[in-house]
Protein backbone atom coordinates (compact mmCIF):
# COMPACT_ATOMS: atom_id res chain seq x y z
CA MET A 1 13.06 6.33 16.44
CA ILE A 2 13.52 7.07 12.75
CA ASN A 3 11.63 9.85 11.00
CA LYS A 4 10.95 8.12 7.66
CA ARG A 5 10.55 11.42 5.74
CA LEU A 6 14.07 12.39 6.79
CA LEU A 7 15.28 8.93 5.94
CA VAL A 8 13.92 9.22 2.41
CA LYS A 9 15.63 12.64 2.04
CA ASN A 10 18.91 11.25 3.29
CA LEU A 11 18.74 8.30 0.92
CA LEU A 12 18.07 10.56 -2.05
CA ALA A 13 20.78 12.99 -0.97
CA HIS A 14 23.39 10.37 -0.29
CA SER A 15 24.12 9.19 -3.84
CA ASP A 16 22.51 7.59 -6.83
CA GLU A 17 21.03 4.10 -6.63
CA ASN A 18 23.53 1.58 -5.19
CA SER A 19 23.80 -1.74 -3.51
CA PHE A 20 21.64 -0.83 -0.47
CA TYR A 21 18.89 1.27 -2.00
CA ASP A 22 16.90 1.58 -5.22
CA LYS A 23 14.36 4.13 -6.42
CA LYS A 24 11.31 3.67 -8.59
CA ARG A 25 8.77 5.96 -10.28
CA PHE A 26 6.19 3.36 -9.31
CA ILE A 27 5.82 -0.39 -8.76
CA ASN A 28 2.97 -2.58 -10.11
CA ILE A 29 2.58 -5.94 -8.40
CA GLY A 30 -0.82 -6.35 -9.97
CA HIS A 31 0.71 -7.67 -13.20
CA LYS A 32 3.13 -10.57 -13.65
CA GLU A 33 5.95 -8.50 -15.12
CA GLY A 34 5.82 -5.81 -12.40
CA LYS A 35 5.56 -8.46 -9.68
CA ALA A 36 8.60 -10.35 -11.05
CA LYS A 37 10.71 -7.19 -11.24
CA PHE A 38 9.79 -6.17 -7.75
CA LEU A 39 10.68 -9.65 -6.33
CA LYS A 40 14.00 -9.57 -8.25
CA HIS A 41 14.94 -6.25 -6.64
CA VAL A 42 13.87 -7.44 -3.19
CA CYS A 43 15.96 -10.57 -3.60
CA ALA A 44 18.99 -8.66 -4.80
CA LEU A 45 18.89 -6.02 -2.07
CA ALA A 46 18.44 -8.69 0.62
CA ASN A 47 21.48 -10.68 -0.62
CA SER A 48 23.59 -7.54 -0.98
CA ASN A 49 22.86 -6.41 2.58
CA PRO A 50 22.78 -9.49 4.89
CA LYS A 51 23.41 -7.47 8.11
CA ASN A 52 21.59 -4.19 7.59
CA ASN A 53 18.43 -2.76 6.09
CA SER A 54 18.12 -1.94 2.44
CA TYR A 55 15.49 0.26 0.85
CA ILE A 56 13.40 0.96 -2.25
CA VAL A 57 12.00 4.51 -2.54
CA VAL A 58 8.80 4.66 -4.69
CA GLY A 59 7.47 7.82 -6.26
CA VAL A 60 10.70 9.54 -7.36
CA GLU A 61 11.84 10.50 -10.85
CA ASP A 62 14.93 8.59 -11.80
CA GLU A 63 16.74 11.39 -13.65
CA ASP A 64 16.64 14.24 -11.08
CA ASN A 65 15.31 12.72 -7.85
CA LYS A 66 12.18 14.83 -8.08
CA ILE A 67 9.55 13.60 -5.55
CA VAL A 68 6.31 13.11 -7.48
CA GLY A 69 4.57 10.60 -5.20
CA VAL A 70 2.29 7.63 -5.83
CA ASP A 71 -1.15 6.62 -4.55
CA PHE A 72 -1.45 5.37 -0.99
CA PHE A 73 -0.65 1.63 -1.01
CA ASP A 74 -1.82 -0.73 1.62
CA ASP A 75 1.04 -3.12 2.32
CA SER A 76 -0.62 -5.49 4.81
CA LYS A 77 -0.31 -8.55 2.56
CA ILE A 78 2.95 -7.78 0.74
CA GLN A 79 4.99 -10.06 3.12
CA ASN A 80 2.74 -12.92 1.99
CA LEU A 81 3.63 -12.22 -1.63
CA VAL A 82 7.36 -12.27 -0.84
CA ASN A 83 7.00 -15.48 1.21
CA ALA A 84 5.15 -17.20 -1.66
CA TYR A 85 7.80 -16.52 -4.30
CA LEU A 86 11.17 -16.41 -2.39
CA ASP A 87 13.19 -18.94 -0.45
CA ASN A 88 14.78 -17.51 2.69
CA PRO A 89 12.52 -14.43 2.22
CA PRO A 90 13.55 -11.22 3.98
CA LEU A 91 11.23 -9.27 6.26
CA ILE A 92 9.61 -6.53 4.19
CA ALA A 93 7.55 -3.45 5.03
CA TYR A 94 5.93 -0.99 2.71
CA GLU A 95 5.22 2.39 4.41
CA ASN A 96 3.43 5.45 3.05
CA ILE A 97 5.46 8.58 3.80
CA GLN A 98 3.71 11.99 3.88
CA PHE A 99 5.45 14.88 2.02
CA PRO A 100 3.85 18.32 2.40
CA GLN A 101 4.29 19.30 -1.25
CA LEU A 102 2.35 16.33 -2.54
CA PRO A 103 -1.46 16.53 -3.14
CA GLU A 104 -3.92 14.76 -0.77
CA GLY A 105 -3.74 10.99 -1.10
CA ARG A 106 -0.29 11.01 -2.71
CA VAL A 107 2.70 9.76 -0.71
CA VAL A 108 6.21 8.42 -1.17
CA GLY A 109 6.46 4.64 -0.74
CA LEU A 110 9.32 3.35 1.36
CA VAL A 111 10.10 -0.40 1.10
CA THR A 112 12.32 -1.58 3.94
CA ILE A 113 14.02 -4.94 3.38
CA THR A 114 15.66 -6.85 6.24
CA SER A 115 17.60 -9.99 5.29
CA ASN A 116 17.53 -13.13 7.44
CA GLY A 117 21.26 -13.61 6.80
CA LYS A 118 20.74 -16.49 4.32
CA VAL A 119 20.91 -16.50 0.54
CA CYS A 120 17.52 -15.46 -0.88
CA SER A 121 16.40 -16.96 -4.18
CA LEU A 122 13.31 -17.30 -6.34
CA ARG A 123 11.23 -20.28 -5.25
CA ARG A 124 9.54 -20.78 -8.60
CA ASN A 125 9.26 -19.43 -12.13
CA ILE A 126 7.70 -15.99 -12.71
CA TRP A 127 7.71 -14.05 -15.90
CA LYS A 128 11.15 -14.57 -17.49
CA TYR A 129 12.89 -15.44 -14.30
CA TYR A 130 13.48 -19.10 -13.35
CA GLY A 131 12.96 -20.75 -10.03
CA GLY A 132 16.22 -21.05 -8.14
CA SER A 133 17.62 -17.79 -9.49
CA VAL A 134 19.73 -15.70 -7.11
CA PHE A 135 20.18 -11.90 -7.57
CA PHE A 136 22.68 -9.40 -6.19
CA ARG A 137 23.18 -5.71 -6.68
CA GLU A 138 26.03 -4.44 -8.83
CA GLY A 139 25.82 -0.64 -8.42
CA SER A 140 22.25 0.22 -9.40
CA ILE A 141 21.53 -2.98 -11.21
CA SER A 142 20.08 -6.26 -9.88
CA MET A 143 22.09 -9.12 -11.52
CA PRO A 144 21.81 -12.89 -11.38
CA LYS A 145 24.64 -14.75 -9.62
CA ALA A 146 25.70 -18.29 -8.93
CA PHE A 147 23.73 -19.95 -6.09
CA ASP A 148 26.77 -20.82 -4.01
CA VAL A 149 27.91 -17.23 -3.64
CA VAL A 150 28.94 -16.04 -0.13
CA LEU A 151 27.06 -13.16 1.41
CA LYS A 152 29.26 -10.15 2.21
CA ASP A 153 28.55 -7.24 4.54
CA ILE A 154 29.83 -4.07 2.87
CA ASN A 155 27.17 -1.45 3.66
CA ALA A 156 26.46 -1.67 7.39
CA ARG A 157 28.37 1.41 8.55
CA MET A 158 27.05 3.60 5.70
CA VAL A 159 23.38 2.57 6.26
CA ALA A 160 23.78 3.05 10.06
CA THR A 161 24.99 6.59 9.41
CA ILE A 162 22.08 7.43 7.15
CA GLU A 163 19.60 6.04 9.65
CA GLN A 164 21.23 7.92 12.52
CA HIS A 165 20.88 11.21 10.64
CA ALA A 166 17.13 10.51 10.25
CA ARG A 167 16.47 10.30 14.01
CA ASN A 168 13.41 12.13 15.17
CA ASN A 169 13.18 15.08 17.60
CA ILE A 170 10.45 16.93 19.58
CA GLU A 171 10.27 19.84 17.15
CA LEU A 172 9.60 17.64 14.17
CA THR A 173 6.94 15.76 16.08
CA LEU A 174 5.09 18.96 17.26
CA ASP A 175 5.31 20.44 13.84
CA GLY A 176 3.80 17.27 12.42
CA VAL A 177 0.81 17.28 14.80
CA ILE A 178 0.07 20.97 14.21
CA ASP A 179 0.29 20.58 10.48
CA PHE A 180 -1.96 17.53 10.48
CA ILE A 181 -4.73 19.10 12.55
CA ASN A 182 -4.62 22.81 11.60
CA ASN A 183 -3.51 22.71 7.99
CA ARG A 184 -4.13 19.44 6.16
CA HIS A 185 -7.37 18.44 7.86
CA SER A 186 -8.87 21.74 9.11
CA ASN A 187 -12.22 20.82 7.62
CA LEU A 188 -12.46 17.39 9.32
CA SER A 189 -12.80 16.19 12.91
CA SER A 190 -9.17 15.58 13.99
CA TYR A 191 -7.73 13.91 17.05
CA TYR A 192 -4.42 12.76 18.50
CA LYS A 193 -3.30 10.25 21.07
CA VAL A 194 0.07 9.74 22.80
CA PHE A 195 1.25 6.22 23.50
CA LYS A 196 3.99 5.25 25.93
CA GLU A 197 5.06 8.94 26.18
CA GLN A 198 6.80 8.50 22.77
CA PHE A 199 4.39 7.71 19.94
CA VAL A 200 1.88 10.25 18.57
CA VAL A 201 -1.01 8.94 16.39
CA CYS A 202 -3.18 11.47 14.61
CA TRP A 203 -6.44 10.69 12.79
CA ALA A 204 -9.02 12.73 10.98
CA GLY A 205 -12.33 12.01 9.11
CA ASN A 206 -16.01 12.73 8.79
CA LEU A 207 -17.62 11.38 11.97
CA LYS A 208 -20.90 9.45 11.87
CA ARG A 209 -22.84 7.86 14.75
CA VAL A 210 -24.98 4.74 14.11
CA LYS A 211 -26.66 3.03 17.06
CA ASN A 212 -24.08 4.28 19.59
CA GLU A 213 -21.27 3.25 17.30
CA VAL A 214 -18.83 5.84 15.84
CA TYR A 215 -17.54 5.48 12.24
CA TYR A 216 -15.30 7.68 10.16
CA SER A 217 -15.17 8.24 6.45
CA ARG A 218 -12.52 10.10 4.39
CA VAL A 219 -10.10 8.80 6.93
CA ASP A 220 -6.40 9.72 7.29
CA ILE A 221 -4.39 8.12 10.09
CA GLU A 222 -0.69 8.86 10.67
CA LEU A 223 2.12 7.91 13.06
CA ILE A 224 3.55 11.37 13.36
CA ASN A 225 6.94 10.44 14.88
CA GLU A 226 7.92 8.56 11.76
CA GLN A 227 5.80 10.50 9.20
CA VAL A 228 4.09 7.22 8.20
CA LYS A 229 0.58 7.25 6.87
CA LEU A 230 -1.02 4.21 8.49
CA PHE A 231 -4.33 4.38 6.61
CA TYR A 232 -5.91 6.56 3.98
CA SER A 233 -9.19 6.23 2.08
CA ALA A 234 -11.47 8.77 0.37
CA LEU A 235 -14.34 6.25 0.32
CA ASP A 236 -14.43 3.43 2.86
CA GLU A 237 -15.55 3.69 6.44
CA VAL A 238 -13.63 2.65 9.55
CA SER A 239 -14.11 2.29 13.26
CA ILE A 240 -11.32 3.32 15.62
CA SER A 241 -10.57 2.09 19.15
CA TYR A 242 -7.64 2.46 21.47
CA ASP A 243 -6.32 1.87 24.99
CA GLN A 244 -3.10 2.71 26.78
CA HIS A 245 -1.09 0.22 24.79
CA SER A 246 -2.61 -0.06 21.31
CA PHE A 247 -4.56 1.63 18.51
CA SER A 248 -6.96 -0.46 16.44
CA ILE A 249 -8.64 0.16 13.10
CA VAL A 250 -11.47 -1.92 11.55
CA GLU A 251 -12.03 -1.16 7.91
CA TYR A 252 -15.48 -1.73 6.28
CA VAL A 253 -16.24 -2.04 2.57
CA GLN A 254 -19.56 -1.18 1.04
CA LEU A 255 -20.86 -3.84 -1.37
CA GLY A 256 -24.27 -4.68 -2.89
CA LEU A 257 -26.37 -4.75 -6.01
CA GLY A 258 -28.43 -1.63 -6.81
CA SER A 259 -30.05 -0.07 -3.74
CA ARG A 260 -29.30 -3.13 -1.59
CA GLN A 261 -25.98 -1.92 -0.09
CA ASN A 262 -24.36 -3.17 3.10
CA TYR A 263 -21.11 -2.55 4.97
CA TYR A 264 -18.93 -5.65 5.48
CA PRO A 265 -15.98 -5.70 7.91
CA LEU A 266 -12.82 -6.19 5.78
CA GLU A 267 -9.70 -6.05 7.98
CA LYS A 268 -8.64 -5.28 11.49
CA VAL A 269 -5.28 -3.56 12.02
CA LYS A 270 -3.81 -3.34 15.55
CA ILE A 271 -0.71 -1.24 16.35
CA SER A 272 0.78 -2.28 19.68
CA PHE A 273 3.24 0.01 21.43
CA ALA A 274 5.93 -1.25 23.79
CA ASP A 275 7.77 0.51 26.66
CA ASN A 276 11.16 0.00 24.91
CA GLY A 277 10.33 2.41 22.05
CA THR A 278 9.18 -0.21 19.52
CA TYR A 279 5.82 -0.95 17.98
CA HIS A 280 4.25 -3.86 16.13
CA ILE A 281 1.49 -3.79 13.46
CA GLN A 282 -0.65 -6.84 13.19
CA SER A 283 -3.39 -7.18 10.48
CA GLU A 284 -6.16 -9.73 10.28
CA LEU A 285 -8.49 -10.15 7.31
CA ILE A 286 -12.01 -10.62 8.72
CA PHE A 287 -13.91 -10.44 5.41
CA THR A 288 -16.67 -12.90 4.40
CA PRO A 289 -17.57 -12.10 0.82
CA PRO A 290 -21.28 -11.73 0.15
CA GLN A 291 -22.79 -14.32 -2.13
CA PHE A 292 -25.33 -13.49 -4.87
CA ASP A 293 -27.38 -15.37 -7.43
CA ARG A 294 -25.08 -16.43 -10.32
CA LYS A 295 -27.69 -15.68 -13.06
CA THR A 296 -27.97 -12.14 -11.83
CA LEU A 297 -24.15 -11.81 -11.69
CA HIS A 298 -23.86 -13.17 -15.25
CA HIS A 299 -26.16 -10.44 -16.41
CA ILE A 300 -24.25 -7.77 -14.51
CA PHE A 301 -20.87 -9.03 -15.74
CA ASN A 302 -21.99 -8.90 -19.34
CA THR A 303 -23.57 -5.47 -18.84
CA ASN A 304 -20.26 -4.12 -17.39
CA ASN A 305 -18.31 -5.57 -20.33
CA ALA A 306 -20.68 -3.93 -22.76
CA LEU A 307 -20.19 -0.64 -20.93
CA LEU A 308 -16.42 -0.85 -21.27
CA ALA A 309 -16.83 -1.59 -25.02
CA LYS A 310 -18.94 1.57 -25.41
CA LEU A 311 -16.32 3.64 -23.49
CA GLU A 312 -13.64 2.31 -25.93
CA ARG A 313 -15.78 3.44 -28.86
CA ASN A 314 -16.50 6.84 -27.16
CA ALA A 315 -20.19 6.00 -27.61
CA ARG A 316 -22.82 8.01 -25.73
CA LEU A 317 -24.21 6.34 -22.59
CA LYS A 318 -27.93 6.21 -21.75
CA PRO A 319 -28.93 7.52 -18.33
CA ALA A 320 -29.41 4.00 -17.00
CA GLU A 321 -25.96 3.06 -18.30
CA VAL A 322 -24.44 6.08 -16.57
CA GLU A 323 -25.78 4.72 -13.28
CA ASP A 324 -24.56 1.19 -14.06
CA LEU A 325 -21.09 2.65 -14.73
CA ARG A 326 -21.00 4.29 -11.37
CA HIS A 327 -21.45 0.89 -9.73
CA LEU A 328 -19.09 -0.93 -12.12
CA PRO A 329 -16.12 -1.12 -9.74
CA SER A 330 -18.05 -2.73 -6.89
CA THR A 331 -20.07 -5.01 -9.10
CA TYR A 332 -16.94 -6.28 -10.89
CA LEU A 333 -15.50 -6.89 -7.42
CA ILE A 334 -18.63 -8.85 -6.36
CA CYS A 335 -18.35 -10.92 -9.51
CA TYR A 336 -14.74 -11.77 -8.78
CA LEU A 337 -15.57 -12.72 -5.15
CA ASN A 338 -18.30 -15.00 -6.51
CA GLY A 339 -16.03 -16.95 -8.85
CA PHE A 340 -15.84 -14.80 -12.00
CA GLU A 341 -12.03 -14.91 -12.30
CA GLU A 342 -11.99 -12.88 -15.55
CA ALA A 343 -13.47 -9.90 -13.66
CA LYS A 344 -9.99 -9.05 -12.43
CA ASP A 345 -8.72 -8.70 -16.04
CA GLN A 346 -11.71 -6.53 -16.87
CA MET A 347 -10.99 -4.28 -13.86
CA ASP A 348 -7.39 -3.77 -15.04
CA HIS A 349 -8.70 -3.13 -18.59
CA ALA A 350 -11.10 -0.52 -17.18
CA ARG A 351 -8.48 1.56 -15.44
CA PRO A 352 -7.28 3.77 -18.33
CA LEU A 353 -10.88 4.03 -19.75
CA LEU A 354 -12.32 5.21 -16.43
CA LYS A 355 -9.34 7.55 -15.73
CA LYS A 356 -10.18 9.33 -18.94
CA HIS A 357 -13.96 9.20 -18.51
CA ASN A 358 -14.67 9.89 -14.82
CA ARG A 359 -12.12 10.42 -12.02
CA ALA A 360 -14.60 9.57 -9.22
CA ILE A 361 -15.43 6.22 -10.77
CA HIS A 362 -11.71 5.60 -11.37
CA ASN A 363 -10.97 6.23 -7.73
CA SER A 364 -13.73 3.74 -6.80
CA LEU A 365 -12.03 1.17 -9.10
CA LYS A 366 -8.69 1.71 -7.30
CA GLU A 367 -10.40 1.08 -3.99
CA ALA A 368 -12.02 -2.06 -5.37
CA LEU A 369 -8.61 -3.32 -6.57
CA ARG A 370 -7.08 -2.60 -3.21
CA VAL A 371 -9.78 -4.83 -1.57
CA LEU A 372 -9.21 -7.57 -4.13
CA ARG A 373 -5.38 -7.37 -3.50
CA LYS A 374 -6.00 -7.85 0.22
CA VAL A 375 -8.19 -10.87 -0.32
CA LYS A 376 -5.92 -12.44 -2.93
CA TYR A 377 -2.72 -12.39 -0.84
CA SER A 378 -4.34 -13.47 2.43
């Protein structure tokens, strides 16, 4: 069982970027350029490592390997993105790795890429890359190559050594549980559960009971053995259930217009643990978008656009506009879910404006974009 925090440290300590790992300050698959560059690196690393894992570490300064972290990123649909754009796509996982020196909600992203042993290529055009392109790693650079190139296995022993040095032990696991409950979440209700005498899942949050049902907000869930953050949200509510073999999370998203707010089930994630020391994560989108009157949404959409224009001009907002701004992330999301495609562009446009104006609303916008990303790649 690999401790992913140790794995990141070993990758960074081993050498600079090479043919089996890359590092990024951040990735942005919400825009065409960022999506294309990410797919290029995935393709190149898969082709350069046909018989072993390759990695991308996200949240690290390129010059000095300083760990600065990125926002928690929900990876549940990222395999769908890779499958849509790549032929012979590799298996891919994006995991959020907790580092104690990072502030709450910040993690290091670890992308694990497992080739299927066949030449991976772009299926269709994206940004400036053409469909049919094949990429390989030359040192720290992902380069295009001829399609009939033969895959070579040159890194298997080196990667196996790095992974072996990242194996977990009892001390690291116990330290992780104590740190999670007593230090990082001492002000929240915290719990842990051991599965198959090997896996330890910890979770914490504000507990709320509604009609004999238990919900949590401000939720943090971690697989302690591997230092992987399974779920994190400062806003949404979740329900948690488990038995001897599995741990399940149902995430809810709050949507509505004005005072008419409701919680809608968004996604169910089930982690199943096996007796042989392995586990499997299965996610299922269970979201049915609420539908609203289009005339009302046209009015709300135009109001939101006008609010952004006032923020750009640094104009003073009226009290009613301040309240409308607070709901802007969720109302833009509702507009998009009801067929207003341009609402996504407006949400992207709003990010720097809201980050400068109001951090709480900016965080709400990031949550809304996370929901949108899940729906889009399902």
